[in-house]
């Protein structure tokens, strides 16, 4: 006879406790493997001056169980898996949302899934909407300033 491991709620949230309890029950019934009970939360984001990349472990899902949507600047990554057996039914799903930076090229976004189950979502940056830039100083205009009623007024000199 197999023993269900103890489930404690002292370190996690109620949601984690319920998830752990469900994992124990399903593994006891032999429906799922203990280390394969939910989508892996491992992800990486690269945000440099030339590109924006999201890398996500989706190895527990088949390519046809995955969807990537673009809604405005939000990228939605969804996985949905359903399995049934003689003794029950198991559904695994996840949704991840990430907001693209202002200078990301929304028309050039690409997704790739490698053999190890790593999903890459990548888009180049256009540089058109950067928040930091150098503003040139015009040297050909002569300006004068005068002080009136507590305010400095700067005017171009003709």
N, C-alpha and C. Protein backbone atom coordinates (compact mmCIF):
# COMPACT_ATOMS: atom_id res chain seq x y z
N UNK A 1 0.83 -1.18 0.00
CA UNK A 1 0.00 0.00 0.00
C UNK A 1 0.89 1.25 0.00
N UNK A 2 0.52 2.23 -0.79
CA UNK A 2 1.28 3.47 -0.92
C UNK A 2 0.78 4.49 0.10
N UNK A 3 1.72 5.27 0.65
CA UNK A 3 1.37 6.27 1.65
C UNK A 3 1.39 7.66 1.02
N UNK A 4 0.39 8.45 1.31
CA UNK A 4 0.37 9.84 0.83
C UNK A 4 1.27 10.66 1.75
N UNK A 5 2.15 11.47 1.13
CA UNK A 5 3.07 12.29 1.93
C UNK A 5 2.30 13.38 2.66
N UNK A 6 2.90 13.87 3.74
CA UNK A 6 2.28 14.94 4.52
C UNK A 6 2.27 16.24 3.73
N UNK A 7 1.19 16.97 3.83
CA UNK A 7 1.07 18.27 3.18
C UNK A 7 0.97 19.31 4.28
N UNK A 8 1.91 20.25 4.29
CA UNK A 8 1.88 21.32 5.28
C UNK A 8 1.66 22.65 4.60
N UNK A 9 0.99 23.54 5.30
CA UNK A 9 0.66 24.85 4.74
C UNK A 9 1.42 25.97 5.44
N UNK A 10 2.46 25.66 6.18
CA UNK A 10 3.12 26.70 6.95
C UNK A 10 3.95 27.64 6.09
N UNK A 11 4.53 27.18 4.99
CA UNK A 11 5.41 28.03 4.20
C UNK A 11 4.74 28.61 2.96
N UNK A 12 3.65 28.04 2.52
CA UNK A 12 3.05 28.49 1.27
C UNK A 12 1.68 29.07 1.45
N UNK A 13 1.13 29.46 0.35
CA UNK A 13 -0.23 30.01 0.36
C UNK A 13 -1.24 28.88 0.36
N UNK A 14 -2.49 29.21 0.56
CA UNK A 14 -3.56 28.22 0.52
C UNK A 14 -3.61 27.57 -0.86
N UNK A 15 -3.38 28.39 -1.89
CA UNK A 15 -3.38 27.86 -3.26
C UNK A 15 -2.33 26.77 -3.44
N UNK A 16 -1.13 27.00 -2.90
CA UNK A 16 -0.08 25.98 -2.99
C UNK A 16 -0.45 24.73 -2.21
N UNK A 17 -1.10 24.90 -1.06
CA UNK A 17 -1.52 23.74 -0.27
C UNK A 17 -2.53 22.90 -1.03
N UNK A 18 -3.50 23.57 -1.66
CA UNK A 18 -4.50 22.84 -2.44
C UNK A 18 -3.84 22.13 -3.61
N UNK A 19 -2.90 22.82 -4.29
CA UNK A 19 -2.18 22.22 -5.41
C UNK A 19 -1.39 20.99 -4.95
N UNK A 20 -0.71 21.12 -3.79
CA UNK A 20 0.07 19.99 -3.27
C UNK A 20 -0.83 18.82 -2.88
N UNK A 21 -1.97 19.12 -2.27
CA UNK A 21 -2.90 18.06 -1.90
C UNK A 21 -3.42 17.34 -3.14
N UNK A 22 -3.77 18.12 -4.16
CA UNK A 22 -4.22 17.52 -5.42
C UNK A 22 -3.14 16.67 -6.05
N UNK A 23 -1.89 17.12 -5.97
CA UNK A 23 -0.78 16.34 -6.51
C UNK A 23 -0.62 15.02 -5.78
N UNK A 24 -0.77 15.07 -4.46
CA UNK A 24 -0.67 13.84 -3.67
C UNK A 24 -1.75 12.84 -4.06
N UNK A 25 -2.97 13.32 -4.19
CA UNK A 25 -4.08 12.43 -4.52
C UNK A 25 -3.90 11.83 -5.90
N UNK A 26 -3.55 12.69 -6.87
CA UNK A 26 -3.40 12.20 -8.24
C UNK A 26 -2.20 11.26 -8.38
N UNK A 27 -1.10 11.56 -7.67
CA UNK A 27 0.04 10.65 -7.74
C UNK A 27 -0.28 9.33 -7.04
N UNK A 28 -1.09 9.36 -6.00
CA UNK A 28 -1.52 8.15 -5.32
C UNK A 28 -2.32 7.26 -6.26
N UNK A 29 -3.17 7.88 -7.06
CA UNK A 29 -3.96 7.13 -8.03
C UNK A 29 -3.15 6.73 -9.25
N UNK A 30 -1.93 7.26 -9.37
CA UNK A 30 -1.07 6.91 -10.50
C UNK A 30 -1.41 7.65 -11.78
N UNK A 31 -2.14 8.74 -11.67
CA UNK A 31 -2.55 9.46 -12.87
C UNK A 31 -1.46 10.38 -13.40
N UNK A 32 -0.64 10.94 -12.53
CA UNK A 32 0.42 11.83 -12.99
C UNK A 32 1.68 11.56 -12.19
N UNK A 33 2.81 11.96 -12.75
CA UNK A 33 4.07 11.84 -12.04
C UNK A 33 4.19 13.01 -11.07
N UNK A 34 4.85 12.78 -9.96
CA UNK A 34 4.94 13.78 -8.91
C UNK A 34 5.60 15.07 -9.38
N UNK A 35 6.64 14.98 -10.22
CA UNK A 35 7.35 16.19 -10.64
C UNK A 35 6.74 16.84 -11.87
N UNK A 36 5.61 16.37 -12.31
CA UNK A 36 5.01 16.86 -13.54
C UNK A 36 3.59 17.36 -13.30
N UNK A 37 3.35 17.99 -12.14
CA UNK A 37 1.99 18.33 -11.76
C UNK A 37 1.51 19.69 -12.22
N UNK A 38 2.40 20.55 -12.62
CA UNK A 38 1.98 21.88 -13.05
C UNK A 38 3.00 22.45 -14.02
N UNK A 39 2.62 23.50 -14.70
CA UNK A 39 3.52 24.16 -15.62
C UNK A 39 4.71 24.71 -14.85
N UNK A 40 5.89 24.55 -15.42
CA UNK A 40 7.10 25.04 -14.79
C UNK A 40 7.08 26.56 -14.79
N UNK A 41 7.36 27.16 -13.64
CA UNK A 41 7.34 28.62 -13.53
C UNK A 41 8.65 29.26 -13.99
N UNK A 42 9.60 28.45 -14.45
CA UNK A 42 10.89 28.98 -14.85
C UNK A 42 10.76 29.78 -16.14
N UNK A 43 11.17 31.02 -16.09
CA UNK A 43 11.18 31.85 -17.29
C UNK A 43 12.31 32.88 -17.17
N UNK A 44 12.68 33.44 -18.31
CA UNK A 44 13.75 34.42 -18.36
C UNK A 44 13.33 35.53 -19.31
N UNK A 45 13.67 36.76 -18.97
CA UNK A 45 13.38 37.90 -19.82
C UNK A 45 14.68 38.63 -20.12
N UNK A 46 14.92 38.89 -21.39
CA UNK A 46 16.07 39.69 -21.82
C UNK A 46 15.51 40.98 -22.41
N UNK A 47 15.94 42.09 -21.88
CA UNK A 47 15.46 43.40 -22.34
C UNK A 47 16.67 44.31 -22.48
N UNK A 48 17.28 44.30 -23.68
CA UNK A 48 18.42 45.16 -23.90
C UNK A 48 18.09 46.20 -24.96
N UNK A 49 19.08 46.90 -25.46
CA UNK A 49 18.82 48.01 -26.38
C UNK A 49 18.42 47.56 -27.78
N UNK A 50 18.65 46.29 -28.12
CA UNK A 50 18.35 45.83 -29.48
C UNK A 50 17.18 44.86 -29.57
N UNK A 51 16.84 44.18 -28.47
CA UNK A 51 15.78 43.17 -28.55
C UNK A 51 15.12 42.97 -27.19
N UNK A 52 13.94 42.33 -27.26
CA UNK A 52 13.21 41.91 -26.07
C UNK A 52 12.87 40.44 -26.27
N UNK A 53 13.27 39.58 -25.32
CA UNK A 53 13.08 38.14 -25.45
C UNK A 53 12.46 37.59 -24.16
N UNK A 54 11.45 36.73 -24.33
CA UNK A 54 10.88 35.97 -23.23
C UNK A 54 11.20 34.51 -23.51
N UNK A 55 11.80 33.82 -22.56
CA UNK A 55 12.12 32.41 -22.69
C UNK A 55 11.38 31.67 -21.58
N UNK A 56 10.59 30.66 -21.97
CA UNK A 56 9.69 30.00 -21.02
C UNK A 56 9.77 28.49 -21.20
N UNK A 57 9.87 27.75 -20.10
CA UNK A 57 9.87 26.29 -20.14
C UNK A 57 8.44 25.79 -20.26
N UNK A 58 8.11 25.20 -21.41
CA UNK A 58 6.77 24.63 -21.65
C UNK A 58 6.91 23.16 -22.04
N UNK A 59 7.94 22.50 -21.52
CA UNK A 59 8.26 21.13 -21.93
C UNK A 59 7.16 20.13 -21.59
N UNK A 60 6.24 20.47 -20.71
CA UNK A 60 5.16 19.55 -20.35
C UNK A 60 3.99 19.61 -21.32
N UNK A 61 4.08 20.51 -22.30
CA UNK A 61 2.99 20.70 -23.25
C UNK A 61 3.45 20.39 -24.67
N UNK A 62 2.54 19.84 -25.48
CA UNK A 62 2.80 19.61 -26.89
C UNK A 62 2.61 20.93 -27.64
N UNK A 63 3.24 21.08 -28.82
CA UNK A 63 3.09 22.33 -29.58
C UNK A 63 1.63 22.69 -29.87
N UNK A 64 0.80 21.71 -30.15
CA UNK A 64 -0.61 21.99 -30.45
C UNK A 64 -1.41 22.40 -29.21
N UNK A 65 -0.82 22.27 -28.02
CA UNK A 65 -1.50 22.66 -26.78
C UNK A 65 -1.12 24.08 -26.34
N UNK A 66 -0.31 24.76 -27.15
CA UNK A 66 0.19 26.09 -26.81
C UNK A 66 -0.37 27.15 -27.76
N UNK A 67 -0.59 28.34 -27.24
CA UNK A 67 -1.05 29.48 -28.03
C UNK A 67 -0.33 30.73 -27.53
N UNK A 68 0.02 31.62 -28.47
CA UNK A 68 0.60 32.92 -28.12
C UNK A 68 -0.24 33.98 -28.81
N UNK A 69 -0.72 34.94 -28.03
CA UNK A 69 -1.58 36.02 -28.54
C UNK A 69 -0.93 37.36 -28.24
N UNK A 70 -1.16 38.32 -29.11
CA UNK A 70 -0.73 39.69 -28.88
C UNK A 70 -1.98 40.56 -28.77
N UNK A 71 -2.13 41.22 -27.64
CA UNK A 71 -3.28 42.09 -27.39
C UNK A 71 -2.73 43.46 -27.01
N UNK A 72 -2.67 44.37 -27.97
CA UNK A 72 -2.01 45.65 -27.72
C UNK A 72 -0.53 45.42 -27.56
N UNK A 73 0.02 45.77 -26.41
CA UNK A 73 1.44 45.52 -26.12
C UNK A 73 1.61 44.29 -25.20
N UNK A 74 0.50 43.63 -24.85
CA UNK A 74 0.55 42.47 -23.97
C UNK A 74 0.68 41.18 -24.76
N UNK A 75 1.67 40.36 -24.40
CA UNK A 75 1.82 39.02 -24.97
C UNK A 75 1.20 38.04 -23.99
N UNK A 76 0.24 37.25 -24.46
CA UNK A 76 -0.40 36.22 -23.64
C UNK A 76 0.07 34.86 -24.13
N UNK A 77 0.63 34.07 -23.23
CA UNK A 77 1.10 32.73 -23.55
C UNK A 77 0.20 31.76 -22.80
N UNK A 78 -0.44 30.86 -23.53
CA UNK A 78 -1.40 29.93 -22.93
C UNK A 78 -1.03 28.50 -23.26
N UNK A 79 -1.19 27.64 -22.29
CA UNK A 79 -1.05 26.20 -22.49
C UNK A 79 -2.24 25.50 -21.88
N UNK A 80 -2.78 24.52 -22.60
CA UNK A 80 -3.94 23.78 -22.10
C UNK A 80 -3.79 22.32 -22.49
N UNK A 81 -3.79 21.45 -21.51
CA UNK A 81 -3.60 20.02 -21.74
C UNK A 81 -4.69 19.25 -21.00
N UNK A 82 -5.31 18.31 -21.70
CA UNK A 82 -6.35 17.50 -21.10
C UNK A 82 -6.03 16.03 -21.34
N UNK A 83 -6.10 15.24 -20.28
CA UNK A 83 -5.85 13.80 -20.37
C UNK A 83 -6.92 13.07 -19.59
N UNK A 84 -7.39 11.99 -20.16
CA UNK A 84 -8.35 11.16 -19.42
C UNK A 84 -7.83 9.74 -19.37
N UNK A 85 -8.22 9.05 -18.33
CA UNK A 85 -7.84 7.65 -18.16
C UNK A 85 -9.06 6.89 -17.65
N UNK A 86 -8.84 5.62 -17.33
CA UNK A 86 -9.94 4.79 -16.84
C UNK A 86 -10.49 5.28 -15.50
N UNK A 87 -9.65 5.93 -14.71
CA UNK A 87 -10.08 6.31 -13.36
C UNK A 87 -10.33 7.80 -13.18
N UNK A 88 -10.16 8.59 -14.22
CA UNK A 88 -10.41 10.02 -14.03
C UNK A 88 -9.94 10.88 -15.18
N UNK A 89 -9.84 12.15 -14.91
CA UNK A 89 -9.56 13.16 -15.90
C UNK A 89 -8.60 14.18 -15.29
N UNK A 90 -7.57 14.58 -16.06
CA UNK A 90 -6.60 15.57 -15.58
C UNK A 90 -6.51 16.69 -16.60
N UNK A 91 -6.56 17.92 -16.11
CA UNK A 91 -6.37 19.08 -16.97
C UNK A 91 -5.28 19.95 -16.37
N UNK A 92 -4.30 20.34 -17.21
CA UNK A 92 -3.25 21.27 -16.81
C UNK A 92 -3.33 22.47 -17.72
N UNK A 93 -3.24 23.65 -17.15
CA UNK A 93 -3.25 24.85 -17.98
C UNK A 93 -2.47 25.95 -17.28
N UNK A 94 -2.03 26.91 -18.08
CA UNK A 94 -1.37 28.09 -17.54
C UNK A 94 -1.61 29.26 -18.49
N UNK A 95 -1.52 30.45 -17.94
CA UNK A 95 -1.55 31.68 -18.73
C UNK A 95 -0.48 32.59 -18.16
N UNK A 96 0.39 33.09 -19.02
CA UNK A 96 1.41 34.07 -18.62
C UNK A 96 1.20 35.31 -19.46
N UNK A 97 1.34 36.47 -18.83
CA UNK A 97 1.19 37.73 -19.55
C UNK A 97 2.42 38.58 -19.31
N UNK A 98 2.91 39.18 -20.39
CA UNK A 98 4.07 40.05 -20.30
C UNK A 98 3.82 41.26 -21.19
N UNK A 99 4.12 42.45 -20.71
CA UNK A 99 3.94 43.66 -21.49
C UNK A 99 5.23 44.02 -22.20
N UNK A 100 5.13 44.22 -23.52
CA UNK A 100 6.30 44.58 -24.32
C UNK A 100 6.68 46.03 -24.08
N UNK A 101 7.97 46.35 -24.15
CA UNK A 101 8.38 47.75 -23.98
C UNK A 101 7.88 48.63 -25.13
N UNK A 102 7.87 49.93 -24.90
CA UNK A 102 7.35 50.88 -25.89
C UNK A 102 8.10 50.84 -27.21
N UNK A 103 9.40 50.54 -27.19
CA UNK A 103 10.18 50.57 -28.42
C UNK A 103 10.29 49.20 -29.10
N UNK A 104 9.49 48.22 -28.67
CA UNK A 104 9.48 46.90 -29.32
C UNK A 104 8.71 46.97 -30.63
N UNK A 105 9.23 46.30 -31.66
CA UNK A 105 8.59 46.27 -32.97
C UNK A 105 7.51 45.19 -32.97
N UNK A 106 6.26 45.58 -32.84
CA UNK A 106 5.16 44.62 -32.72
C UNK A 106 4.93 43.83 -34.01
N UNK A 107 5.33 44.38 -35.15
CA UNK A 107 5.13 43.69 -36.42
C UNK A 107 6.19 42.62 -36.68
N UNK A 108 7.28 42.64 -35.92
CA UNK A 108 8.38 41.70 -36.16
C UNK A 108 8.50 40.63 -35.07
N UNK A 109 7.47 40.45 -34.26
CA UNK A 109 7.53 39.48 -33.17
C UNK A 109 7.56 38.06 -33.73
N UNK A 110 8.42 37.20 -33.15
CA UNK A 110 8.55 35.81 -33.59
C UNK A 110 8.51 34.88 -32.38
N UNK A 111 7.99 33.66 -32.60
CA UNK A 111 8.01 32.64 -31.56
C UNK A 111 8.69 31.39 -32.09
N UNK A 112 9.47 30.74 -31.25
CA UNK A 112 10.15 29.50 -31.61
C UNK A 112 10.08 28.54 -30.43
N UNK A 113 9.84 27.28 -30.73
CA UNK A 113 9.81 26.22 -29.72
C UNK A 113 10.92 25.24 -30.05
N UNK A 114 11.89 25.06 -29.13
CA UNK A 114 13.00 24.15 -29.42
C UNK A 114 12.69 22.72 -28.96
N UNK A 115 13.60 21.81 -29.24
CA UNK A 115 13.41 20.38 -28.93
C UNK A 115 13.32 20.10 -27.43
N UNK A 116 13.86 20.99 -26.61
CA UNK A 116 13.85 20.79 -25.16
C UNK A 116 12.60 21.38 -24.50
N UNK A 117 11.67 21.92 -25.31
CA UNK A 117 10.44 22.47 -24.77
C UNK A 117 10.57 23.89 -24.27
N UNK A 118 11.54 24.61 -24.81
CA UNK A 118 11.75 26.01 -24.43
C UNK A 118 11.10 26.90 -25.49
N UNK A 119 10.14 27.74 -25.08
CA UNK A 119 9.46 28.65 -25.99
C UNK A 119 10.14 30.01 -25.91
N UNK A 120 10.58 30.52 -27.07
CA UNK A 120 11.21 31.84 -27.15
C UNK A 120 10.28 32.78 -27.90
N UNK A 121 10.01 33.91 -27.32
CA UNK A 121 9.23 34.96 -27.96
C UNK A 121 10.16 36.15 -28.05
N UNK A 122 10.46 36.58 -29.28
CA UNK A 122 11.48 37.60 -29.48
C UNK A 122 10.98 38.68 -30.43
N UNK A 123 11.33 39.91 -30.12
CA UNK A 123 11.02 41.03 -31.00
C UNK A 123 12.17 42.03 -30.96
N UNK A 124 12.56 42.54 -32.12
CA UNK A 124 13.60 43.58 -32.11
C UNK A 124 13.04 44.90 -31.60
N UNK A 125 13.94 45.77 -31.22
CA UNK A 125 13.52 47.10 -30.78
C UNK A 125 13.81 48.10 -31.90
N UNK A 126 12.89 49.00 -32.11
CA UNK A 126 13.04 50.00 -33.17
C UNK A 126 13.86 51.19 -32.71
N UNK A 127 13.87 51.47 -31.44
CA UNK A 127 14.58 52.62 -30.92
C UNK A 127 13.84 53.93 -31.14
N UNK A 128 12.65 53.87 -31.71
CA UNK A 128 11.91 55.10 -32.02
C UNK A 128 11.24 55.71 -30.80
N UNK A 129 10.97 54.91 -29.80
CA UNK A 129 10.22 55.40 -28.65
C UNK A 129 11.03 55.34 -27.37
N UNK A 130 12.33 55.51 -27.48
CA UNK A 130 13.15 55.42 -26.28
C UNK A 130 12.91 56.64 -25.39
N UNK A 131 13.05 56.46 -24.12
CA UNK A 131 12.81 57.52 -23.16
C UNK A 131 14.05 58.37 -22.92
N UNK A 132 15.19 57.91 -23.38
CA UNK A 132 16.42 58.66 -23.17
C UNK A 132 17.08 58.90 -24.52
N UNK A 133 17.37 60.14 -24.79
CA UNK A 133 18.06 60.48 -26.03
C UNK A 133 18.77 61.81 -25.84
N UNK A 134 19.70 62.09 -26.72
CA UNK A 134 20.42 63.34 -26.67
C UNK A 134 19.68 64.37 -27.52
N UNK A 135 19.53 65.56 -26.99
CA UNK A 135 18.85 66.63 -27.71
C UNK A 135 19.92 67.60 -28.19
N UNK A 136 20.02 67.82 -29.50
CA UNK A 136 21.07 68.70 -30.02
C UNK A 136 20.84 70.16 -29.60
N UNK A 137 21.94 70.87 -29.41
CA UNK A 137 21.89 72.29 -29.05
C UNK A 137 22.15 73.09 -30.31
N UNK A 138 21.25 73.99 -30.63
CA UNK A 138 21.41 74.83 -31.81
C UNK A 138 22.34 75.99 -31.47
N UNK A 139 23.35 76.19 -32.30
CA UNK A 139 24.33 77.23 -32.04
C UNK A 139 24.11 78.48 -32.90
N UNK A 140 23.23 78.44 -33.85
CA UNK A 140 23.06 79.56 -34.76
C UNK A 140 22.12 80.64 -34.24
N UNK A 141 21.42 80.43 -33.18
CA UNK A 141 20.48 81.43 -32.67
C UNK A 141 21.11 82.19 -31.51
N UNK A 142 20.96 83.49 -31.51
CA UNK A 142 21.41 84.32 -30.41
C UNK A 142 20.19 84.64 -29.56
N UNK A 143 20.32 84.47 -28.27
CA UNK A 143 19.18 84.71 -27.40
C UNK A 143 19.52 85.77 -26.36
N UNK A 144 18.52 86.48 -25.96
CA UNK A 144 18.66 87.46 -24.88
C UNK A 144 17.65 87.11 -23.80
N UNK A 145 17.93 87.55 -22.63
CA UNK A 145 16.97 87.31 -21.55
C UNK A 145 16.73 88.60 -20.80
N UNK A 146 15.56 88.75 -20.27
CA UNK A 146 15.23 89.90 -19.45
C UNK A 146 14.39 89.43 -18.27
N UNK A 147 14.41 90.21 -17.26
CA UNK A 147 13.71 89.86 -16.03
C UNK A 147 12.53 90.81 -15.86
N UNK A 148 11.31 90.25 -15.91
CA UNK A 148 10.11 91.07 -15.74
C UNK A 148 9.18 90.40 -14.74
N UNK A 149 8.80 91.13 -13.75
CA UNK A 149 7.81 90.69 -12.76
C UNK A 149 8.15 89.32 -12.16
N UNK A 150 9.41 89.10 -11.84
CA UNK A 150 9.84 87.87 -11.20
C UNK A 150 10.01 86.69 -12.13
N UNK A 151 9.94 86.89 -13.46
CA UNK A 151 10.06 85.80 -14.42
C UNK A 151 11.17 86.14 -15.40
N UNK A 152 12.01 85.15 -15.71
CA UNK A 152 13.04 85.34 -16.72
C UNK A 152 12.43 85.00 -18.07
N UNK A 153 12.51 85.92 -19.01
CA UNK A 153 11.96 85.71 -20.35
C UNK A 153 13.14 85.58 -21.31
N UNK A 154 13.17 84.46 -22.05
CA UNK A 154 14.24 84.22 -23.02
C UNK A 154 13.64 84.38 -24.40
N UNK A 155 14.25 85.27 -25.20
CA UNK A 155 13.75 85.54 -26.54
C UNK A 155 14.89 85.40 -27.54
N UNK A 156 14.58 84.87 -28.74
CA UNK A 156 15.61 84.86 -29.78
C UNK A 156 15.88 86.29 -30.24
N UNK A 157 17.14 86.58 -30.50
CA UNK A 157 17.52 87.91 -30.95
C UNK A 157 17.55 87.93 -32.47
N UNK A 158 16.89 88.91 -33.06
CA UNK A 158 16.83 89.01 -34.52
C UNK A 158 17.99 89.77 -35.08
